[in-house]
Amino acid sequence: MLLKKQTVWLLTMLSLVVVLTVYYITSPEQKTNELAAVQQKAKDQNQGKTKTEAKDGKSVISSVAGDAQFEELKINQEDLRSQQREDLTTQLASTNLSEEEKSQVKDQMNKLTETAQKEELLEHFIKTMGYDDVLVRADGPEVIVTVKAKKKPSVKEANKIMLEVKKEIDETNYVAVEYEPSK
């Protein structure tokens, strides 16, 4: 039985729609309703800041609580990753790239996703060590771990965190652990 060209075209387009729908539903990227929650959280944080006048007449914005700064760091990191992912997706969708260049862009996307997953894994692991909140920021060979804790930090604990980071993220050369007091 021979199918007409129109029928083959229609079946191809329908299958493409189904595949894209499944991909969109299962993709790990942020959904729009979550984005609204993040934007609302950012607005709430900005309301918690006070504006003061400096001696030279310029306005200075200072945070009321350190928690807002910590959350702002997390949101900025998420925004940066989303922007990088969007840029790579745009490059991948470009028709003027060779197959090798598309492969390199795809590798960069995979590495970005892998780095984000490793950061999240490390954050959860370090939280289980008894810390209130953790932020892991990996940027190439440099990793900065910011830890919020009620207890006074020790060098032994910092070394343990550094070893875990180096174990999880192989290509790191520099690991810094910063402590912030928890309220």
C-alpha atoms as a PDB file:
ATOM      1  CA  MET A   1       0.000   0.000   0.000  1.00  0.00           C
ATOM      2  CA  LEU A   2       1.505   3.277  -1.071  1.00  0.00           C
ATOM      3  CA  LEU A   3       0.900   6.389   0.958  1.00  0.00           C
ATOM      4  CA  LYS A   4       0.486   9.766  -0.629  1.00  0.00           C
ATOM      5  CA  LYS A   5       3.045  12.456   0.050  1.00  0.00           C
ATOM      6  CA  GLN A   6       0.507  14.517   1.970  1.00  0.00           C
ATOM      7  CA  THR A   7      -0.281  11.605   4.278  1.00  0.00           C
ATOM      8  CA  VAL A   8       3.395  10.940   4.968  1.00  0.00           C
ATOM      9  CA  TRP A   9       3.963  14.630   5.622  1.00  0.00           C
ATOM     10  CA  LEU A  10       0.973  14.795   7.973  1.00  0.00           C
ATOM     11  CA  LEU A  11       2.097  11.719   9.930  1.00  0.00           C
ATOM     12  CA  THR A  12       5.631  13.117  10.193  1.00  0.00           C
ATOM     13  CA  MET A  13       4.378  16.434  11.565  1.00  0.00           C
ATOM     14  CA  LEU A  14       2.056  14.733  14.049  1.00  0.00           C
ATOM     15  CA  SER A  15       4.859  12.523  15.330  1.00  0.00           C
ATOM     16  CA  LEU A  16       7.097  15.593  15.652  1.00  0.00           C
ATOM     17  CA  VAL A  17       4.431  17.361  17.716  1.00  0.00           C
ATOM     18  CA  VAL A  18       4.102  14.330  19.982  1.00  0.00           C
ATOM     19  CA  VAL A  19       7.877  14.068  20.489  1.00  0.00           C
ATOM     20  CA  LEU A  20       8.210  17.785  21.266  1.00  0.00           C
ATOM     21  CA  THR A  21       5.303  17.627  23.701  1.00  0.00           C
ATOM     22  CA  VAL A  22       6.857  14.722  25.576  1.00  0.00           C
ATOM     23  CA  TYR A  23      10.216  16.503  25.634  1.00  0.00           C
ATOM     24  CA  TYR A  24       8.664  19.716  26.962  1.00  0.00           C
ATOM     25  CA  ILE A  25       6.766  17.899  29.692  1.00  0.00           C
ATOM     26  CA  THR A  26       9.787  15.899  30.865  1.00  0.00           C
ATOM     27  CA  SER A  27      12.442  18.589  30.411  1.00  0.00           C
ATOM     28  CA  PRO A  28      14.262  19.583  33.621  1.00  0.00           C
ATOM     29  CA  GLU A  29      14.092  23.284  32.805  1.00  0.00           C
ATOM     30  CA  GLN A  30      12.063  25.674  34.898  1.00  0.00           C
ATOM     31  CA  LYS A  31       8.342  25.736  34.177  1.00  0.00           C
ATOM     32  CA  THR A  32       6.529  29.068  33.800  1.00  0.00           C
ATOM     33  CA  ASN A  33       4.595  28.778  37.068  1.00  0.00           C
ATOM     34  CA  GLU A  34       7.855  28.170  38.939  1.00  0.00           C
ATOM     35  CA  LEU A  35       9.355  31.208  37.214  1.00  0.00           C
ATOM     36  CA  ALA A  36       6.484  33.325  38.522  1.00  0.00           C
ATOM     37  CA  ALA A  37       7.205  32.084  42.043  1.00  0.00           C
ATOM     38  CA  VAL A  38      10.897  32.962  41.676  1.00  0.00           C
ATOM     39  CA  GLN A  39      10.021  36.433  40.395  1.00  0.00           C
ATOM     40  CA  GLN A  40       7.594  36.931  43.301  1.00  0.00           C
ATOM     41  CA  LYS A  41      10.314  35.822  45.727  1.00  0.00           C
ATOM     42  CA  ALA A  42      12.699  38.385  44.195  1.00  0.00           C
ATOM     43  CA  LYS A  43      10.075  41.115  44.614  1.00  0.00           C
ATOM     44  CA  ASP A  44       9.560  40.125  48.249  1.00  0.00           C
ATOM     45  CA  GLN A  45      13.304  40.303  48.852  1.00  0.00           C
ATOM     46  CA  ASN A  46      13.535  43.753  47.297  1.00  0.00           C
ATOM     47  CA  GLN A  47      10.793  44.929  49.654  1.00  0.00           C
ATOM     48  CA  GLY A  48      12.927  43.788  52.595  1.00  0.00           C
ATOM     49  CA  LYS A  49      15.720  46.171  51.652  1.00  0.00           C
ATOM     50  CA  THR A  50      16.055  49.692  52.981  1.00  0.00           C
ATOM     51  CA  LYS A  51      17.256  52.703  51.082  1.00  0.00           C
ATOM     52  CA  THR A  52      19.560  55.174  52.812  1.00  0.00           C
ATOM     53  CA  GLU A  53      21.332  58.319  51.731  1.00  0.00           C
ATOM     54  CA  ALA A  54      25.117  58.397  51.744  1.00  0.00           C
ATOM     55  CA  LYS A  55      27.137  61.529  52.602  1.00  0.00           C
ATOM     56  CA  ASP A  56      27.729  62.333  48.925  1.00  0.00           C
ATOM     57  CA  GLY A  57      23.973  62.233  48.156  1.00  0.00           C
ATOM     58  CA  LYS A  58      23.962  58.884  46.385  1.00  0.00           C
ATOM     59  CA  SER A  59      21.437  56.323  47.517  1.00  0.00           C
ATOM     60  CA  VAL A  60      22.714  53.075  48.956  1.00  0.00           C
ATOM     61  CA  ILE A  61      20.575  49.951  49.174  1.00  0.00           C
ATOM     62  CA  SER A  62      21.383  47.707  52.106  1.00  0.00           C
ATOM     63  CA  SER A  63      19.817  44.408  53.016  1.00  0.00           C
ATOM     64  CA  VAL A  64      17.972  44.042  56.281  1.00  0.00           C
ATOM     65  CA  ALA A  65      18.893  40.391  56.681  1.00  0.00           C
ATOM     66  CA  GLY A  66      21.702  38.202  55.396  1.00  0.00           C
ATOM     67  CA  ASP A  67      19.119  35.624  54.330  1.00  0.00           C
ATOM     68  CA  ALA A  68      17.936  37.906  51.531  1.00  0.00           C
ATOM     69  CA  GLN A  69      21.477  38.219  50.185  1.00  0.00           C
ATOM     70  CA  PHE A  70      21.920  34.454  50.328  1.00  0.00           C
ATOM     71  CA  GLU A  71      18.674  33.854  48.451  1.00  0.00           C
ATOM     72  CA  GLU A  72      19.598  36.558  45.962  1.00  0.00           C
ATOM     73  CA  LEU A  73      22.859  34.734  45.214  1.00  0.00           C
ATOM     74  CA  LYS A  74      20.875  31.577  44.511  1.00  0.00           C
ATOM     75  CA  ILE A  75      18.445  33.376  42.216  1.00  0.00           C
ATOM     76  CA  ASN A  76      21.282  35.110  40.353  1.00  0.00           C
ATOM     77  CA  GLN A  77      22.985  31.758  39.835  1.00  0.00           C
ATOM     78  CA  GLU A  78      19.759  30.238  38.480  1.00  0.00           C
ATOM     79  CA  ASP A  79      19.251  33.225  36.169  1.00  0.00           C
ATOM     80  CA  LEU A  80      22.804  32.955  34.864  1.00  0.00           C
ATOM     81  CA  ARG A  81      22.410  29.236  34.165  1.00  0.00           C
ATOM     82  CA  SER A  82      19.086  29.826  32.421  1.00  0.00           C
ATOM     83  CA  GLN A  83      20.644  32.527  30.263  1.00  0.00           C
ATOM     84  CA  GLN A  84      23.595  30.293  29.356  1.00  0.00           C
ATOM     85  CA  ARG A  85      21.233  27.425  28.523  1.00  0.00           C
ATOM     86  CA  GLU A  86      19.101  29.741  26.384  1.00  0.00           C
ATOM     87  CA  ASP A  87      22.165  31.048  24.514  1.00  0.00           C
ATOM     88  CA  LEU A  88      23.370  27.515  23.803  1.00  0.00           C
ATOM     89  CA  THR A  89      19.902  26.466  22.638  1.00  0.00           C
ATOM     90  CA  THR A  90      19.813  29.436  20.284  1.00  0.00           C
ATOM     91  CA  GLN A  91      23.220  28.489  18.898  1.00  0.00           C
ATOM     92  CA  LEU A  92      22.095  24.899  18.462  1.00  0.00           C
ATOM     93  CA  ALA A  93      18.992  26.000  16.576  1.00  0.00           C
ATOM     94  CA  SER A  94      21.104  28.079  14.199  1.00  0.00           C
ATOM     95  CA  THR A  95      21.208  26.621  10.694  1.00  0.00           C
ATOM     96  CA  ASN A  96      24.635  27.969   9.778  1.00  0.00           C
ATOM     97  CA  LEU A  97      26.602  25.738  12.175  1.00  0.00           C
ATOM     98  CA  SER A  98      28.474  22.691  10.983  1.00  0.00           C
ATOM     99  CA  GLU A  99      27.819  19.308  12.561  1.00  0.00           C
ATOM    100  CA  GLU A 100      31.068  19.538  14.545  1.00  0.00           C
ATOM    101  CA  GLU A 101      30.140  22.956  15.950  1.00  0.00           C
ATOM    102  CA  LYS A 102      26.659  21.691  16.854  1.00  0.00           C
ATOM    103  CA  SER A 103      28.280  18.764  18.618  1.00  0.00           C
ATOM    104  CA  GLN A 104      30.489  21.140  20.620  1.00  0.00           C
ATOM    105  CA  VAL A 105      27.465  23.258  21.604  1.00  0.00           C
ATOM    106  CA  LYS A 106      25.591  20.109  22.633  1.00  0.00           C
ATOM    107  CA  ASP A 107      28.604  19.059  24.739  1.00  0.00           C
ATOM    108  CA  GLN A 108      28.605  22.487  26.418  1.00  0.00           C
ATOM    109  CA  MET A 109      24.887  22.114  27.190  1.00  0.00           C
ATOM    110  CA  ASN A 110      25.486  18.673  28.671  1.00  0.00           C
ATOM    111  CA  LYS A 111      28.390  19.980  30.772  1.00  0.00           C
ATOM    112  CA  LEU A 112      26.245  22.871  32.029  1.00  0.00           C
ATOM    113  CA  THR A 113      23.480  20.481  33.041  1.00  0.00           C
ATOM    114  CA  GLU A 114      25.969  18.096  34.646  1.00  0.00           C
ATOM    115  CA  THR A 115      27.572  20.926  36.631  1.00  0.00           C
ATOM    116  CA  ALA A 116      24.167  22.096  37.891  1.00  0.00           C
ATOM    117  CA  GLN A 117      23.313  18.550  38.962  1.00  0.00           C
ATOM    118  CA  LYS A 118      26.631  18.160  40.784  1.00  0.00           C
ATOM    119  CA  GLU A 119      26.115  21.489  42.558  1.00  0.00           C
ATOM    120  CA  GLU A 120      22.654  20.407  43.691  1.00  0.00           C
ATOM    121  CA  LEU A 121      23.958  17.045  44.870  1.00  0.00           C
ATOM    122  CA  LEU A 122      26.739  18.710  46.849  1.00  0.00           C
ATOM    123  CA  GLU A 123      24.301  21.191  48.378  1.00  0.00           C
ATOM    124  CA  HIS A 124      22.075  18.373  49.609  1.00  0.00           C
ATOM    125  CA  PHE A 125      25.043  16.379  50.901  1.00  0.00           C
ATOM    126  CA  ILE A 126      26.545  19.330  52.776  1.00  0.00           C
ATOM    127  CA  LYS A 127      23.147  20.178  54.289  1.00  0.00           C
ATOM    128  CA  THR A 128      23.052  16.664  55.736  1.00  0.00           C
ATOM    129  CA  MET A 129      26.263  17.502  57.583  1.00  0.00           C
ATOM    130  CA  GLY A 130      24.198  19.763  59.853  1.00  0.00           C
ATOM    131  CA  TYR A 131      24.231  23.131  58.080  1.00  0.00           C
ATOM    132  CA  ASP A 132      21.185  25.374  57.737  1.00  0.00           C
ATOM    133  CA  ASP A 133      21.697  26.313  54.093  1.00  0.00           C
ATOM    134  CA  VAL A 134      24.333  25.774  51.416  1.00  0.00           C
ATOM    135  CA  LEU A 135      25.135  27.337  48.064  1.00  0.00           C
ATOM    136  CA  VAL A 136      27.650  25.717  45.704  1.00  0.00           C
ATOM    137  CA  ARG A 137      28.861  27.820  42.767  1.00  0.00           C
ATOM    138  CA  ALA A 138      31.064  26.066  40.219  1.00  0.00           C
ATOM    139  CA  ASP A 139      32.619  28.272  37.573  1.00  0.00           C
ATOM    140  CA  GLY A 140      35.138  26.329  35.522  1.00  0.00           C
ATOM    141  CA  PRO A 141      37.990  25.137  37.748  1.00  0.00           C
ATOM    142  CA  GLU A 142      36.851  27.362  40.641  1.00  0.00           C
ATOM    143  CA  VAL A 143      34.208  26.261  43.165  1.00  0.00           C
ATOM    144  CA  ILE A 144      32.907  28.471  45.964  1.00  0.00           C
ATOM    145  CA  VAL A 145      30.830  26.886  48.721  1.00  0.00           C
ATOM    146  CA  THR A 146      28.877  29.249  50.966  1.00  0.00           C
ATOM    147  CA  VAL A 147      27.583  27.629  54.141  1.00  0.00           C
ATOM    148  CA  LYS A 148      25.124  29.034  56.695  1.00  0.00           C
ATOM    149  CA  ALA A 149      25.554  27.619  60.158  1.00  0.00           C
ATOM    150  CA  LYS A 150      24.603  28.453  63.722  1.00  0.00           C
ATOM    151  CA  LYS A 151      27.673  26.709  65.073  1.00  0.00           C
ATOM    152  CA  LYS A 152      31.146  28.134  64.855  1.00  0.00           C
ATOM    153  CA  PRO A 153      32.960  26.773  61.774  1.00  0.00           C
ATOM    154  CA  SER A 154      36.015  24.591  62.154  1.00  0.00           C
ATOM    155  CA  VAL A 155      38.936  23.988  59.824  1.00  0.00           C
ATOM    156  CA  LYS A 156      38.278  20.251  59.950  1.00  0.00           C
ATOM    157  CA  GLU A 157      34.710  20.714  58.660  1.00  0.00           C
ATOM    158  CA  ALA A 158      35.899  23.065  55.915  1.00  0.00           C
ATOM    159  CA  ASN A 159      38.483  20.475  54.822  1.00  0.00           C
ATOM    160  CA  LYS A 160      35.812  17.785  54.755  1.00  0.00           C
ATOM    161  CA  ILE A 161      33.619  19.977  52.536  1.00  0.00           C
ATOM    162  CA  MET A 162      36.573  20.711  50.240  1.00  0.00           C
ATOM    163  CA  LEU A 163      37.388  17.008  49.888  1.00  0.00           C
ATOM    164  CA  GLU A 164      33.782  16.168  48.999  1.00  0.00           C
ATOM    165  CA  VAL A 165      33.708  18.940  46.382  1.00  0.00           C
ATOM    166  CA  LYS A 166      36.960  17.743  44.817  1.00  0.00           C
ATOM    167  CA  LYS A 167      35.657  14.182  44.825  1.00  0.00           C
ATOM    168  CA  GLU A 168      32.430  15.157  43.061  1.00  0.00           C
ATOM    169  CA  ILE A 169      33.778  17.800  40.665  1.00  0.00           C
ATOM    170  CA  ASP A 170      36.992  16.367  39.234  1.00  0.00           C
ATOM    171  CA  GLU A 171      38.135  19.308  37.119  1.00  0.00           C
ATOM    172  CA  THR A 172      38.301  21.774  40.012  1.00  0.00           C
ATOM    173  CA  ASN A 173      41.597  23.317  41.059  1.00  0.00           C
ATOM    174  CA  TYR A 174      40.358  25.844  43.597  1.00  0.00           C
ATOM    175  CA  VAL A 175      37.737  25.258  46.301  1.00  0.00           C
ATOM    176  CA  ALA A 176      36.790  27.973  48.775  1.00  0.00           C
ATOM    177  CA  VAL A 177      34.462  27.526  51.740  1.00  0.00           C
ATOM    178  CA  GLU A 178      32.779  30.647  53.086  1.00  0.00           C
ATOM    179  CA  TYR A 179      30.804  30.661  56.326  1.00  0.00           C
ATOM    180  CA  GLU A 180      27.854  32.941  57.061  1.00  0.00           C
ATOM    181  CA  PRO A 181      26.245  33.038  60.481  1.00  0.00           C
ATOM    182  CA  SER A 182      22.673  31.761  60.577  1.00  0.00           C
ATOM    183  CA  LYS A 183      20.002  33.658  62.445  1.00  0.00           C
END
